[in-house]
Amino acid sequence: MNTAELVKYQDWDESTLQELVGRYVRTFHRVPSYDQLVRFRSARFQLQLRIPRRRRRVARSVASL
């Protein structure tokens, strides 16, 4: 990793960065690029924010009333 790549990671929390890189390596068996890591982080946060299927059904039925 060169200094130009390190500048991109300045705004990231070190523990979060270590966790994400570790999860990425365990999942894909390779070290991610910056763009891949950004997409991986975005996908993980989107999954965490998803409403469980059961709640969506209830919300849909309430909205249809």
Protein backbone atom coordinates (compact mmCIF):
# COMPACT_ATOMS: atom_id res chain seq x y z
CA MET A 1 0.00 0.00 0.00
CA ASN A 2 1.47 3.36 -0.97
CA THR A 3 0.95 6.77 0.62
CA ALA A 4 -1.67 7.81 -1.94
CA GLU A 5 -3.80 4.83 -0.88
CA LEU A 6 -3.28 5.55 2.81
CA VAL A 7 -4.67 9.08 2.39
CA LYS A 8 -8.01 7.58 1.28
CA TYR A 9 -8.37 5.76 4.61
CA GLN A 10 -7.76 8.79 6.87
CA ASP A 11 -11.46 9.30 7.61
CA TRP A 12 -12.02 5.67 8.58
CA ASP A 13 -11.93 4.43 12.17
CA GLU A 14 -8.99 2.05 12.54
CA SER A 15 -10.92 -0.69 14.35
CA THR A 16 -13.74 -0.55 11.77
CA LEU A 17 -11.22 -0.71 8.96
CA GLN A 18 -9.50 -3.74 10.48
CA GLU A 19 -12.84 -5.49 10.98
CA LEU A 20 -14.00 -4.80 7.42
CA VAL A 21 -10.72 -5.91 5.85
CA GLY A 22 -10.72 -9.06 7.98
CA ARG A 23 -14.29 -9.92 6.98
CA TYR A 24 -13.54 -9.18 3.33
CA VAL A 25 -10.46 -11.42 3.34
CA ARG A 26 -12.36 -14.24 5.07
CA THR A 27 -15.18 -13.95 2.56
CA PHE A 28 -13.28 -13.45 -0.72
CA HIS A 29 -9.80 -14.81 0.20
CA ARG A 30 -7.97 -11.71 -1.07
CA VAL A 31 -7.09 -8.19 0.07
CA PRO A 32 -9.61 -5.58 -1.13
CA SER A 33 -8.92 -2.40 -3.04
CA TYR A 34 -10.30 0.85 -1.68
CA ASP A 35 -13.30 0.78 -4.04
CA GLN A 36 -14.10 -2.83 -3.17
CA LEU A 37 -13.92 -2.04 0.53
CA VAL A 38 -16.25 0.94 0.14
CA ARG A 39 -18.82 -1.23 -1.68
CA PHE A 40 -18.44 -4.00 0.91
CA ARG A 41 -19.02 -1.53 3.77
CA SER A 42 -22.05 -0.07 2.02
CA ALA A 43 -23.56 -3.51 1.43
CA ARG A 44 -23.01 -4.54 5.06
CA PHE A 45 -24.68 -1.39 6.39
CA GLN A 46 -27.61 -1.81 4.02
CA LEU A 47 -28.11 -5.36 5.27
CA GLN A 48 -28.03 -4.18 8.88
CA LEU A 49 -30.72 -1.58 8.16
CA ARG A 50 -33.12 -3.99 6.46
CA ILE A 51 -36.45 -4.55 8.14
CA PRO A 52 -37.09 -8.23 8.91
CA ARG A 53 -39.53 -9.92 6.51
CA ARG A 54 -42.13 -10.45 9.23
CA ARG A 55 -42.27 -6.72 10.00
CA ARG A 56 -42.55 -5.83 6.32
CA ARG A 57 -45.65 -8.01 6.02
CA VAL A 58 -47.24 -6.34 9.03
CA ALA A 59 -46.30 -2.88 7.77
CA ARG A 60 -47.72 -3.64 4.34
CA SER A 61 -51.02 -4.90 5.80
CA VAL A 62 -51.31 -1.83 8.06
CA ALA A 63 -50.59 0.47 5.13
CA SER A 64 -53.27 -1.17 3.01
CA LEU A 65 -55.98 -0.38 5.62
